[in-house]
Amino acid sequence: MPTRMWKYSIYSFLKLLRRRLPESLDYILAFIYLTYQIMAFLYKIVPIFKDT
């Protein structure tokens, strides 16, 4: 599941925002911080994610 989240949602959205640089830099940073928090929470709660 983390791999799918990265490939289909996180990476594709970052790629979209990257095309709009430099206007989207603040949004990119906010999105990275948010996704990091979500992924860290999932790794903490769901033990099987630690193997990925």
PDB file of N, CA and C in Angstrom:
ATOM      1  N   MET A   1       0.811  -1.203   0.000  1.00  0.00           N
ATOM      2  CA  MET A   1       0.000   0.000   0.000  1.00  0.00           C
ATOM      3  C   MET A   1       0.861   1.278   0.000  1.00  0.00           C
ATOM      4  N   PRO A   2       1.918   1.370   0.787  1.00  0.00           N
ATOM      5  CA  PRO A   2       2.727   2.596   0.716  1.00  0.00           C
ATOM      6  C   PRO A   2       3.300   2.832  -0.678  1.00  0.00           C
ATOM      7  N   THR A   3       3.652   1.758  -1.365  1.00  0.00           N
ATOM      8  CA  THR A   3       4.190   1.913  -2.714  1.00  0.00           C
ATOM      9  C   THR A   3       3.131   2.467  -3.650  1.00  0.00           C
ATOM     10  N   ARG A   4       1.930   1.983  -3.536  1.00  0.00           N
ATOM     11  CA  ARG A   4       0.831   2.506  -4.358  1.00  0.00           C
ATOM     12  C   ARG A   4       0.531   3.959  -4.041  1.00  0.00           C
ATOM     13  N   MET A   5       0.551   4.279  -2.750  1.00  0.00           N
ATOM     14  CA  MET A   5       0.297   5.667  -2.354  1.00  0.00           C
ATOM     15  C   MET A   5       1.353   6.577  -2.973  1.00  0.00           C
ATOM     16  N   TRP A   6       2.610   6.126  -2.939  1.00  0.00           N
ATOM     17  CA  TRP A   6       3.679   6.934  -3.518  1.00  0.00           C
ATOM     18  C   TRP A   6       3.489   7.095  -5.014  1.00  0.00           C
ATOM     19  N   LYS A   7       3.258   5.981  -5.699  1.00  0.00           N
ATOM     20  CA  LYS A   7       3.219   6.004  -7.162  1.00  0.00           C
ATOM     21  C   LYS A   7       2.001   6.740  -7.716  1.00  0.00           C
ATOM     22  N   TYR A   8       0.836   6.473  -7.176  1.00  0.00           N
ATOM     23  CA  TYR A   8      -0.393   6.990  -7.778  1.00  0.00           C
ATOM     24  C   TYR A   8      -0.907   8.297  -7.190  1.00  0.00           C
ATOM     25  N   SER A   9      -0.477   8.631  -5.998  1.00  0.00           N
ATOM     26  CA  SER A   9      -1.003   9.888  -5.452  1.00  0.00           C
ATOM     27  C   SER A   9       0.102  10.884  -5.128  1.00  0.00           C
ATOM     28  N   ILE A  10       1.053  10.500  -4.335  1.00  0.00           N
ATOM     29  CA  ILE A  10       2.068  11.452  -3.882  1.00  0.00           C
ATOM     30  C   ILE A  10       2.955  11.902  -5.036  1.00  0.00           C
ATOM     31  N   TYR A  11       3.559  10.959  -5.728  1.00  0.00           N
ATOM     32  CA  TYR A  11       4.499  11.306  -6.794  1.00  0.00           C
ATOM     33  C   TYR A  11       3.809  12.032  -7.946  1.00  0.00           C
ATOM     34  N   SER A  12       2.647  11.563  -8.332  1.00  0.00           N
ATOM     35  CA  SER A  12       1.970  12.202  -9.466  1.00  0.00           C
ATOM     36  C   SER A  12       1.567  13.641  -9.135  1.00  0.00           C
ATOM     37  N   PHE A  13       1.147  13.877  -7.894  1.00  0.00           N
ATOM     38  CA  PHE A  13       0.787  15.239  -7.508  1.00  0.00           C
ATOM     39  C   PHE A  13       2.028  16.132  -7.425  1.00  0.00           C
ATOM     40  N   LEU A  14       3.133  15.595  -6.898  1.00  0.00           N
ATOM     41  CA  LEU A  14       4.370  16.379  -6.861  1.00  0.00           C
ATOM     42  C   LEU A  14       4.867  16.709  -8.262  1.00  0.00           C
ATOM     43  N   LYS A  15       4.707  15.769  -9.177  1.00  0.00           N
ATOM     44  CA  LYS A  15       5.111  16.009 -10.556  1.00  0.00           C
ATOM     45  C   LYS A  15       4.273  17.129 -11.175  1.00  0.00           C
ATOM     46  N   LEU A  16       3.000  17.130 -10.869  1.00  0.00           N
ATOM     47  CA  LEU A  16       2.113  18.178 -11.356  1.00  0.00           C
ATOM     48  C   LEU A  16       2.513  19.537 -10.785  1.00  0.00           C
ATOM     49  N   LEU A  17       2.779  19.582  -9.501  1.00  0.00           N
ATOM     50  CA  LEU A  17       3.193  20.841  -8.879  1.00  0.00           C
ATOM     51  C   LEU A  17       4.558  21.305  -9.377  1.00  0.00           C
ATOM     52  N   ARG A  18       5.432  20.365  -9.664  1.00  0.00           N
ATOM     53  CA  ARG A  18       6.770  20.721 -10.137  1.00  0.00           C
ATOM     54  C   ARG A  18       6.720  21.456 -11.476  1.00  0.00           C
ATOM     55  N   ARG A  19       5.741  21.141 -12.282  1.00  0.00           N
ATOM     56  CA  ARG A  19       5.599  21.841 -13.572  1.00  0.00           C
ATOM     57  C   ARG A  19       5.253  23.313 -13.384  1.00  0.00           C
ATOM     58  N   ARG A  20       4.693  23.648 -12.232  1.00  0.00           N
ATOM     59  CA  ARG A  20       4.258  25.020 -11.960  1.00  0.00           C
ATOM     60  C   ARG A  20       5.250  25.816 -11.121  1.00  0.00           C
ATOM     61  N   LEU A  21       6.477  25.301 -10.975  1.00  0.00           N
ATOM     62  CA  LEU A  21       7.476  26.044 -10.213  1.00  0.00           C
ATOM     63  C   LEU A  21       7.788  27.360 -10.897  1.00  0.00           C
ATOM     64  N   PRO A  22       8.092  28.397 -10.224  1.00  0.00           N
ATOM     65  CA  PRO A  22       8.306  28.606  -8.803  1.00  0.00           C
ATOM     66  C   PRO A  22       7.045  28.996  -8.040  1.00  0.00           C
ATOM     67  N   GLU A  23       5.921  29.175  -8.731  1.00  0.00           N
ATOM     68  CA  GLU A  23       4.692  29.608  -8.042  1.00  0.00           C
ATOM     69  C   GLU A  23       4.195  28.574  -7.035  1.00  0.00           C
ATOM     70  N   SER A  24       4.466  27.308  -7.262  1.00  0.00           N
ATOM     71  CA  SER A  24       3.902  26.254  -6.421  1.00  0.00           C
ATOM     72  C   SER A  24       4.850  25.780  -5.328  1.00  0.00           C
ATOM     73  N   LEU A  25       5.956  26.461  -5.111  1.00  0.00           N
ATOM     74  CA  LEU A  25       6.941  26.004  -4.144  1.00  0.00           C
ATOM     75  C   LEU A  25       6.359  25.877  -2.736  1.00  0.00           C
ATOM     76  N   ASP A  26       5.568  26.836  -2.301  1.00  0.00           N
ATOM     77  CA  ASP A  26       4.964  26.766  -0.974  1.00  0.00           C
ATOM     78  C   ASP A  26       4.019  25.573  -0.861  1.00  0.00           C
ATOM     79  N   TYR A  27       3.284  25.300  -1.922  1.00  0.00           N
ATOM     80  CA  TYR A  27       2.365  24.162  -1.919  1.00  0.00           C
ATOM     81  C   TYR A  27       3.116  22.835  -1.899  1.00  0.00           C
ATOM     82  N   ILE A  28       4.234  22.792  -2.616  1.00  0.00           N
ATOM     83  CA  ILE A  28       5.052  21.580  -2.627  1.00  0.00           C
ATOM     84  C   ILE A  28       5.573  21.286  -1.218  1.00  0.00           C
ATOM     85  N   LEU A  29       6.098  22.290  -0.563  1.00  0.00           N
ATOM     86  CA  LEU A  29       6.626  22.100   0.780  1.00  0.00           C
ATOM     87  C   LEU A  29       5.542  21.678   1.758  1.00  0.00           C
ATOM     88  N   ALA A  30       4.389  22.310   1.685  1.00  0.00           N
ATOM     89  CA  ALA A  30       3.283  21.942   2.570  1.00  0.00           C
ATOM     90  C   ALA A  30       2.823  20.515   2.301  1.00  0.00           C
ATOM     91  N   PHE A  31       2.765  20.132   1.030  1.00  0.00           N
ATOM     92  CA  PHE A  31       2.338  18.778   0.674  1.00  0.00           C
ATOM     93  C   PHE A  31       3.354  17.746   1.152  1.00  0.00           C
ATOM     94  N   ILE A  32       4.634  18.042   1.025  1.00  0.00           N
ATOM     95  CA  ILE A  32       5.666  17.107   1.493  1.00  0.00           C
ATOM     96  C   ILE A  32       5.576  16.925   3.003  1.00  0.00           C
ATOM     97  N   TYR A  33       5.421  18.011   3.737  1.00  0.00           N
ATOM     98  CA  TYR A  33       5.301  17.898   5.191  1.00  0.00           C
ATOM     99  C   TYR A  33       4.067  17.085   5.576  1.00  0.00           C
ATOM    100  N   LEU A  34       2.964  17.332   4.909  1.00  0.00           N
ATOM    101  CA  LEU A  34       1.732  16.609   5.219  1.00  0.00           C
ATOM    102  C   LEU A  34       1.856  15.123   4.893  1.00  0.00           C
ATOM    103  N   THR A  35       2.371  14.797   3.731  1.00  0.00           N
ATOM    104  CA  THR A  35       2.496  13.388   3.358  1.00  0.00           C
ATOM    105  C   THR A  35       3.511  12.672   4.238  1.00  0.00           C
ATOM    106  N   TYR A  36       4.559  13.361   4.652  1.00  0.00           N
ATOM    107  CA  TYR A  36       5.515  12.745   5.569  1.00  0.00           C
ATOM    108  C   TYR A  36       4.841  12.392   6.891  1.00  0.00           C
ATOM    109  N   GLN A  37       4.029  13.291   7.402  1.00  0.00           N
ATOM    110  CA  GLN A  37       3.319  13.032   8.652  1.00  0.00           C
ATOM    111  C   GLN A  37       2.367  11.855   8.511  1.00  0.00           C
ATOM    112  N   ILE A  38       1.655  11.797   7.403  1.00  0.00           N
ATOM    113  CA  ILE A  38       0.710  10.698   7.181  1.00  0.00           C
ATOM    114  C   ILE A  38       1.451   9.372   7.074  1.00  0.00           C
ATOM    115  N   MET A  39       2.533   9.335   6.290  1.00  0.00           N
ATOM    116  CA  MET A  39       3.283   8.089   6.121  1.00  0.00           C
ATOM    117  C   MET A  39       3.939   7.663   7.432  1.00  0.00           C
ATOM    118  N   ALA A  40       4.463   8.604   8.188  1.00  0.00           N
ATOM    119  CA  ALA A  40       5.061   8.274   9.482  1.00  0.00           C
ATOM    120  C   ALA A  40       4.009   7.714  10.432  1.00  0.00           C
ATOM    121  N   PHE A  41       2.827   8.276  10.403  1.00  0.00           N
ATOM    122  CA  PHE A  41       1.732   7.770  11.231  1.00  0.00           C
ATOM    123  C   PHE A  41       1.352   6.348  10.822  1.00  0.00           C
ATOM    124  N   LEU A  42       1.266   6.107   9.526  1.00  0.00           N
ATOM    125  CA  LEU A  42       0.934   4.762   9.059  1.00  0.00           C
ATOM    126  C   LEU A  42       2.011   3.751   9.443  1.00  0.00           C
ATOM    127  N   TYR A  43       3.268   4.125   9.315  1.00  0.00           N
ATOM    128  CA  TYR A  43       4.342   3.222   9.709  1.00  0.00           C
ATOM    129  C   TYR A  43       4.295   2.916  11.199  1.00  0.00           C
ATOM    130  N   LYS A  44       3.883   3.896  11.980  1.00  0.00           N
ATOM    131  CA  LYS A  44       3.813   3.714  13.436  1.00  0.00           C
ATOM    132  C   LYS A  44       2.635   2.818  13.821  1.00  0.00           C
ATOM    133  N   ILE A  45       1.493   2.998  13.167  1.00  0.00           N
ATOM    134  CA  ILE A  45       0.273   2.278  13.523  1.00  0.00           C
ATOM    135  C   ILE A  45       0.215   0.882  12.909  1.00  0.00           C
ATOM    136  N   VAL A  46       0.635   0.738  11.667  1.00  0.00           N
ATOM    137  CA  VAL A  46       0.509  -0.524  10.946  1.00  0.00           C
ATOM    138  C   VAL A  46       1.892  -1.167  10.843  1.00  0.00           C
ATOM    139  N   PRO A  47       2.170  -2.189  11.655  1.00  0.00           N
ATOM    140  CA  PRO A  47       3.511  -2.767  11.700  1.00  0.00           C
ATOM    141  C   PRO A  47       4.005  -3.370  10.386  1.00  0.00           C
ATOM    142  N   ILE A  48       3.123  -3.851   9.550  1.00  0.00           N
ATOM    143  CA  ILE A  48       3.555  -4.487   8.306  1.00  0.00           C
ATOM    144  C   ILE A  48       4.176  -3.475   7.338  1.00  0.00           C
ATOM    145  N   PHE A  49       3.862  -2.187   7.483  1.00  0.00           N
ATOM    146  CA  PHE A  49       4.433  -1.164   6.618  1.00  0.00           C
ATOM    147  C   PHE A  49       5.931  -0.986   6.865  1.00  0.00           C
ATOM    148  N   LYS A  50       6.430  -1.407   8.007  1.00  0.00           N
ATOM    149  CA  LYS A  50       7.844  -1.249   8.312  1.00  0.00           C
ATOM    150  C   LYS A  50       8.721  -2.081   7.383  1.00  0.00           C
ATOM    151  N   ASP A  51       8.179  -3.129   6.810  1.00  0.00           N
ATOM    152  CA  ASP A  51       8.942  -3.965   5.882  1.00  0.00           C
ATOM    153  C   ASP A  51       9.092  -3.325   4.518  1.00  0.00           C
ATOM    154  N   THR A  52       8.291  -2.328   4.221  1.00  0.00           N
ATOM    155  CA  THR A  52       8.321  -1.712   2.887  1.00  0.00           C
ATOM    156  C   THR A  52       9.374  -0.644   2.796  1.00  0.00           C
TER     157      THR A  52
END
